[in-house]
Amino acid sequence: MTTPTTSKAGRNLPAAIGVGVGLGAMLIAVLALVPLAFYGVVGVALAIATWEVGKRLRDGGYDIALIPLLVGGQGVIWATWPWGIEGAFVAFVITVLVMMVWKLFAQGLTAAPRNYLRDLSLSVLVLAWLPMLATFATAMIQQDHGANRVFTLIIVVVCSDVGGYAAGVLLGKHPMAPAISPKKSWEGLGGSMVFATAGAVCCALWLLDTHWWVGLALGPLMVIVATTGDLVESQVKRDLGIKDMGTLLPGHGGIMDRLDSLLPSAFVTWAVLTLLM
């Protein structure tokens, strides 16, 4: 018997590359041919990711408001189509209010709520962490050069991942946050900075038709939030005692395991490009 080829991160590298290429090709086709269909892609991905996170949290003993999260999360994402970011914030607040009542009466009208503050707070965190951050990706589709703004988000995050992985494997000797993610190194962070900044500058010049320094501002910020987003999910999984949020994507884990760095990066990309373009 042969064993699958694994990377230093413990992943099946050929499977991970194949799945990554397939997902990338699908996103390129959607953004190039039918940009507004990106709403559907994000909606489906976030529904699955929310289910993954909710199931893992429930397995860990946290009774979050999963049904309002799934329904309200879709409302938050799709509200940006007609009403922009303002619509997403309104949908977010409505969903929070619904979850407050939902958890208040989760045990019925005659029983006192159990762990109300803890489970409600965690439900709001998941809503902000997943659907709300994802809305900034869908909101960019409606802006000038919308598809190219989303392409920039994806390209720079991929550059950060590739640069960090290559530098970490070849040069990594100094752990960055060993108590949270032992395999991340300062050398890997440096590789991410170089690759992501170069990618962002190229995107600014050739995709967004704007000044090179926009990419110079965007690249390092995205590396910081992408790395932090990855560390946040790593700590959540460490608290829950799991390796991955799901098993849907061979070599990657679950959908959420691929969105951990993309979600905060979506906000930074939206904010920087909205302010500077």
Protein backbone atom coordinates (compact mmCIF):
# COMPACT_ATOMS: atom_id res chain seq x y z
CA MET A 1 0.00 0.00 0.00
CA THR A 2 1.11 3.55 -0.71
CA THR A 3 0.50 6.42 1.66
CA PRO A 4 -0.73 9.79 0.37
CA THR A 5 1.85 12.50 -0.08
CA THR A 6 1.57 14.96 2.79
CA SER A 7 3.03 18.40 3.34
CA LYS A 8 4.74 19.72 6.46
CA ALA A 9 1.30 20.93 7.50
CA GLY A 10 0.09 17.33 7.52
CA ARG A 11 -2.10 17.70 4.43
CA ASN A 12 -2.55 15.52 1.37
CA LEU A 13 -0.72 17.94 -0.92
CA PRO A 14 -1.82 16.59 -4.35
CA ALA A 15 -5.46 16.57 -3.23
CA ALA A 16 -5.12 20.05 -1.76
CA ILE A 17 -3.61 21.41 -4.99
CA GLY A 18 -6.28 19.72 -7.13
CA VAL A 19 -9.14 21.08 -5.02
CA GLY A 20 -7.55 24.54 -4.93
CA VAL A 21 -7.13 24.65 -8.70
CA GLY A 22 -10.71 23.47 -9.20
CA LEU A 23 -12.15 26.10 -6.87
CA GLY A 24 -10.00 28.79 -8.47
CA ALA A 25 -11.15 27.84 -11.96
CA MET A 26 -14.79 27.95 -10.86
CA LEU A 27 -14.38 31.40 -9.32
CA ILE A 28 -12.59 32.74 -12.41
CA ALA A 29 -15.39 31.45 -14.65
CA VAL A 30 -18.10 32.99 -12.45
CA LEU A 31 -16.42 36.37 -12.08
CA ALA A 32 -15.45 36.59 -15.76
CA LEU A 33 -18.74 35.42 -17.26
CA VAL A 34 -21.55 36.14 -14.78
CA PRO A 35 -20.23 38.39 -11.98
CA LEU A 36 -23.56 38.68 -10.15
CA ALA A 37 -23.63 34.88 -9.80
CA PHE A 38 -20.89 35.45 -7.23
CA TYR A 39 -23.72 36.19 -4.79
CA GLY A 40 -24.89 32.60 -5.18
CA VAL A 41 -21.38 31.22 -4.73
CA VAL A 42 -20.88 33.22 -1.54
CA GLY A 43 -24.36 32.36 -0.26
CA VAL A 44 -23.85 28.62 -0.68
CA ALA A 45 -20.29 28.69 0.71
CA LEU A 46 -21.33 30.67 3.79
CA ALA A 47 -24.35 28.46 4.45
CA ILE A 48 -22.07 25.41 4.48
CA ALA A 49 -19.40 27.17 6.55
CA THR A 50 -22.00 28.35 9.09
CA TRP A 51 -23.36 24.81 9.36
CA GLU A 52 -19.82 23.44 9.85
CA VAL A 53 -19.00 25.93 12.59
CA GLY A 54 -22.40 25.53 14.23
CA LYS A 55 -22.13 21.75 14.29
CA ARG A 56 -18.63 21.84 15.74
CA LEU A 57 -19.72 24.30 18.42
CA ARG A 58 -22.76 22.20 19.30
CA ASP A 59 -20.58 19.10 19.49
CA GLY A 60 -18.43 21.10 21.90
CA GLY A 61 -21.39 21.85 24.16
CA TYR A 62 -22.34 25.33 22.87
CA ASP A 63 -26.01 25.65 21.90
CA ILE A 64 -25.87 28.49 19.40
CA ALA A 65 -28.94 29.79 17.52
CA LEU A 66 -28.16 27.82 14.38
CA ILE A 67 -31.43 28.24 12.45
CA PRO A 68 -31.54 32.06 12.81
CA LEU A 69 -27.85 32.09 11.91
CA LEU A 70 -28.43 30.16 8.69
CA VAL A 71 -31.48 32.17 7.63
CA GLY A 72 -30.29 35.56 8.85
CA GLY A 73 -26.82 34.98 7.46
CA GLN A 74 -28.30 34.62 3.98
CA GLY A 75 -30.28 37.80 4.54
CA VAL A 76 -27.11 39.67 5.49
CA ILE A 77 -25.31 38.49 2.34
CA TRP A 78 -28.13 39.03 -0.15
CA ALA A 79 -29.17 42.41 1.30
CA THR A 80 -26.11 43.97 -0.30
CA TRP A 81 -27.55 43.33 -3.79
CA PRO A 82 -30.27 46.02 -3.65
CA TRP A 83 -29.17 48.05 -0.62
CA GLY A 84 -25.38 47.78 -0.34
CA ILE A 85 -23.50 47.64 2.95
CA GLU A 86 -26.27 49.60 4.68
CA GLY A 87 -28.71 46.80 3.88
CA ALA A 88 -26.29 44.22 5.26
CA PHE A 89 -26.03 46.08 8.57
CA VAL A 90 -29.83 46.33 8.84
CA ALA A 91 -30.14 42.57 8.18
CA PHE A 92 -27.39 41.94 10.74
CA VAL A 93 -29.22 43.86 13.47
CA ILE A 94 -32.53 42.17 12.64
CA THR A 95 -30.84 38.76 12.90
CA VAL A 96 -29.29 39.67 16.27
CA LEU A 97 -32.71 40.72 17.60
CA VAL A 98 -34.25 37.45 16.37
CA MET A 99 -31.45 35.44 18.02
CA MET A 100 -31.98 37.29 21.30
CA VAL A 101 -35.62 36.19 21.37
CA TRP A 102 -34.85 32.72 19.96
CA LYS A 103 -32.38 31.92 22.73
CA LEU A 104 -34.65 33.48 25.36
CA PHE A 105 -37.38 30.91 24.65
CA ALA A 106 -35.19 28.02 23.42
CA GLN A 107 -36.28 25.88 26.39
CA GLY A 108 -39.95 26.86 26.06
CA LEU A 109 -42.14 29.40 27.82
CA THR A 110 -42.06 27.71 31.22
CA ALA A 111 -38.33 26.96 31.55
CA ALA A 112 -35.54 29.42 32.25
CA PRO A 113 -32.92 29.86 29.49
CA ARG A 114 -29.69 27.92 30.02
CA ASN A 115 -26.32 29.56 29.31
CA TYR A 116 -28.20 32.43 27.66
CA LEU A 117 -25.43 35.02 27.71
CA ARG A 118 -22.71 32.60 26.60
CA ASP A 119 -24.65 31.00 23.73
CA LEU A 120 -26.18 34.28 22.50
CA SER A 121 -22.77 36.00 22.52
CA LEU A 122 -21.26 33.13 20.56
CA SER A 123 -24.14 33.22 18.07
CA VAL A 124 -23.54 36.93 17.44
CA LEU A 125 -19.81 36.27 17.06
CA VAL A 126 -20.44 33.63 14.38
CA LEU A 127 -22.84 35.98 12.55
CA ALA A 128 -20.23 38.76 12.52
CA TRP A 129 -17.33 36.43 11.74
CA LEU A 130 -18.90 34.64 8.77
CA PRO A 131 -21.83 36.27 6.92
CA MET A 132 -21.11 39.88 7.89
CA LEU A 133 -17.48 39.80 6.77
CA ALA A 134 -18.50 37.97 3.58
CA THR A 135 -20.82 40.82 2.61
CA PHE A 136 -17.83 43.02 1.84
CA ALA A 137 -16.85 40.60 -0.92
CA THR A 138 -20.31 40.66 -2.48
CA ALA A 139 -20.56 44.43 -2.07
CA MET A 140 -17.46 44.89 -4.24
CA ILE A 141 -19.23 43.26 -7.20
CA GLN A 142 -21.53 46.30 -7.38
CA GLN A 143 -18.62 48.79 -7.55
CA ASP A 144 -16.59 49.95 -10.56
CA HIS A 145 -14.24 47.17 -11.70
CA GLY A 146 -16.28 44.96 -9.34
CA ALA A 147 -15.15 41.56 -10.62
CA ASN A 148 -11.54 42.75 -10.70
CA ARG A 149 -11.78 43.93 -7.09
CA VAL A 150 -12.84 40.43 -6.07
CA PHE A 151 -10.09 38.96 -8.27
CA THR A 152 -7.64 41.19 -6.39
CA LEU A 153 -8.91 39.86 -3.04
CA ILE A 154 -8.45 36.26 -4.15
CA ILE A 155 -5.11 36.78 -5.89
CA VAL A 156 -3.49 38.60 -2.97
CA VAL A 157 -4.71 36.02 -0.42
CA VAL A 158 -3.39 33.20 -2.64
CA CYS A 159 -0.05 35.03 -2.99
CA SER A 160 0.10 35.40 0.78
CA ASP A 161 -0.60 31.68 1.28
CA VAL A 162 1.89 30.56 -1.36
CA GLY A 163 4.61 32.94 -0.20
CA GLY A 164 4.09 32.01 3.43
CA TYR A 165 4.09 28.29 2.70
CA ALA A 166 7.22 28.42 0.52
CA ALA A 167 9.22 30.60 2.90
CA GLY A 168 8.02 28.61 5.91
CA VAL A 169 9.01 25.25 4.40
CA LEU A 170 12.37 26.44 3.10
CA LEU A 171 13.45 28.91 5.77
CA GLY A 172 11.08 28.63 8.72
CA LYS A 173 12.97 28.33 12.01
CA HIS A 174 11.36 30.85 14.35
CA PRO A 175 7.74 30.08 15.37
CA MET A 176 5.48 33.11 15.31
CA ALA A 177 2.74 31.97 17.72
CA PRO A 178 3.64 28.42 18.80
CA ALA A 179 0.92 28.23 21.43
CA ILE A 180 -1.75 28.83 18.76
CA SER A 181 -0.32 27.53 15.48
CA PRO A 182 3.09 25.84 15.89
CA LYS A 183 3.82 25.61 12.15
CA LYS A 184 3.58 29.35 11.42
CA SER A 185 6.95 31.08 11.39
CA TRP A 186 8.24 34.64 11.13
CA GLU A 187 10.08 33.61 7.97
CA GLY A 188 6.75 32.47 6.52
CA LEU A 189 5.20 35.82 7.41
CA GLY A 190 8.03 37.55 5.58
CA GLY A 191 7.42 35.41 2.50
CA SER A 192 3.73 36.28 2.66
CA MET A 193 4.57 39.99 2.83
CA VAL A 194 6.80 39.85 -0.24
CA PHE A 195 4.50 37.73 -2.42
CA ALA A 196 1.26 39.43 -1.37
CA THR A 197 2.61 42.94 -1.81
CA ALA A 198 3.99 42.09 -5.25
CA GLY A 199 0.65 40.54 -6.18
CA ALA A 200 -1.29 43.54 -4.88
CA VAL A 201 0.87 46.02 -6.83
CA CYS A 202 0.40 43.99 -10.02
CA CYS A 203 -3.37 43.87 -9.44
CA ALA A 204 -3.48 47.62 -8.85
CA LEU A 205 -1.71 48.32 -12.13
CA TRP A 206 -3.19 45.69 -14.43
CA LEU A 207 -6.58 44.76 -12.98
CA LEU A 208 -7.78 47.89 -11.23
CA ASP A 209 -6.11 50.49 -13.47
CA THR A 210 -5.05 52.56 -10.48
CA HIS A 211 -1.85 53.77 -8.81
CA TRP A 212 0.82 51.24 -7.82
CA TRP A 213 0.88 52.57 -4.26
CA VAL A 214 -2.68 51.37 -3.74
CA GLY A 215 -1.30 47.84 -3.99
CA LEU A 216 1.58 48.78 -1.72
CA ALA A 217 -0.94 49.83 0.93
CA LEU A 218 -3.23 46.85 0.37
CA GLY A 219 -0.71 43.98 0.34
CA PRO A 220 0.80 44.26 3.86
CA LEU A 221 -2.59 44.98 5.45
CA MET A 222 -4.08 41.88 3.85
CA VAL A 223 -1.18 39.73 5.05
CA ILE A 224 -1.74 40.93 8.62
CA VAL A 225 -5.50 40.29 8.64
CA ALA A 226 -5.24 37.03 6.64
CA THR A 227 -2.63 35.66 9.07
CA THR A 228 -4.62 36.85 12.07
CA GLY A 229 -7.79 35.31 10.64
CA ASP A 230 -6.00 31.99 10.27
CA LEU A 231 -4.73 32.21 13.85
CA VAL A 232 -8.21 33.03 15.15
CA GLU A 233 -9.69 29.94 13.52
CA SER A 234 -6.75 27.86 14.76
CA GLN A 235 -7.47 28.96 18.34
CA VAL A 236 -11.19 28.24 17.97
CA LYS A 237 -10.36 24.73 16.75
CA ARG A 238 -7.82 24.31 19.53
CA ASP A 239 -10.49 25.24 22.11
CA LEU A 240 -12.84 22.69 20.54
CA GLY A 241 -10.15 20.01 20.29
CA ILE A 242 -10.48 19.49 16.52
CA LYS A 243 -8.17 19.73 13.52
CA ASP A 244 -10.64 20.92 10.86
CA MET A 245 -14.09 22.48 10.84
CA GLY A 246 -15.27 19.96 8.23
CA THR A 247 -14.27 17.29 5.74
CA LEU A 248 -15.90 18.48 2.52
CA LEU A 249 -12.71 19.52 0.69
CA PRO A 250 -9.98 16.83 0.40
CA GLY A 251 -6.63 18.17 1.56
CA HIS A 252 -8.22 21.32 2.98
CA GLY A 253 -10.78 20.28 5.57
CA GLY A 254 -14.07 22.12 5.45
CA ILE A 255 -15.29 25.22 3.63
CA MET A 256 -14.60 27.31 6.73
CA ASP A 257 -11.00 26.10 6.75
CA ARG A 258 -10.55 27.88 3.40
CA LEU A 259 -12.45 31.03 4.39
CA ASP A 260 -10.57 31.83 7.61
CA SER A 261 -8.16 34.23 5.92
CA LEU A 262 -10.48 35.33 3.09
CA LEU A 263 -13.23 36.71 5.33
CA PRO A 264 -11.27 39.44 7.16
CA SER A 265 -9.32 40.12 3.96
CA ALA A 266 -12.62 40.86 2.18
CA PHE A 267 -13.28 43.73 4.57
CA VAL A 268 -9.77 45.14 4.22
CA THR A 269 -9.91 44.91 0.42
CA TRP A 270 -13.30 46.65 0.31
CA ALA A 271 -12.17 49.36 2.73
CA VAL A 272 -8.80 50.12 1.11
CA LEU A 273 -10.08 50.12 -2.46
CA THR A 274 -13.17 52.14 -1.55
CA LEU A 275 -11.05 54.78 0.16
CA LEU A 276 -8.18 54.95 -2.35
CA MET A 277 -9.87 54.42 -5.72
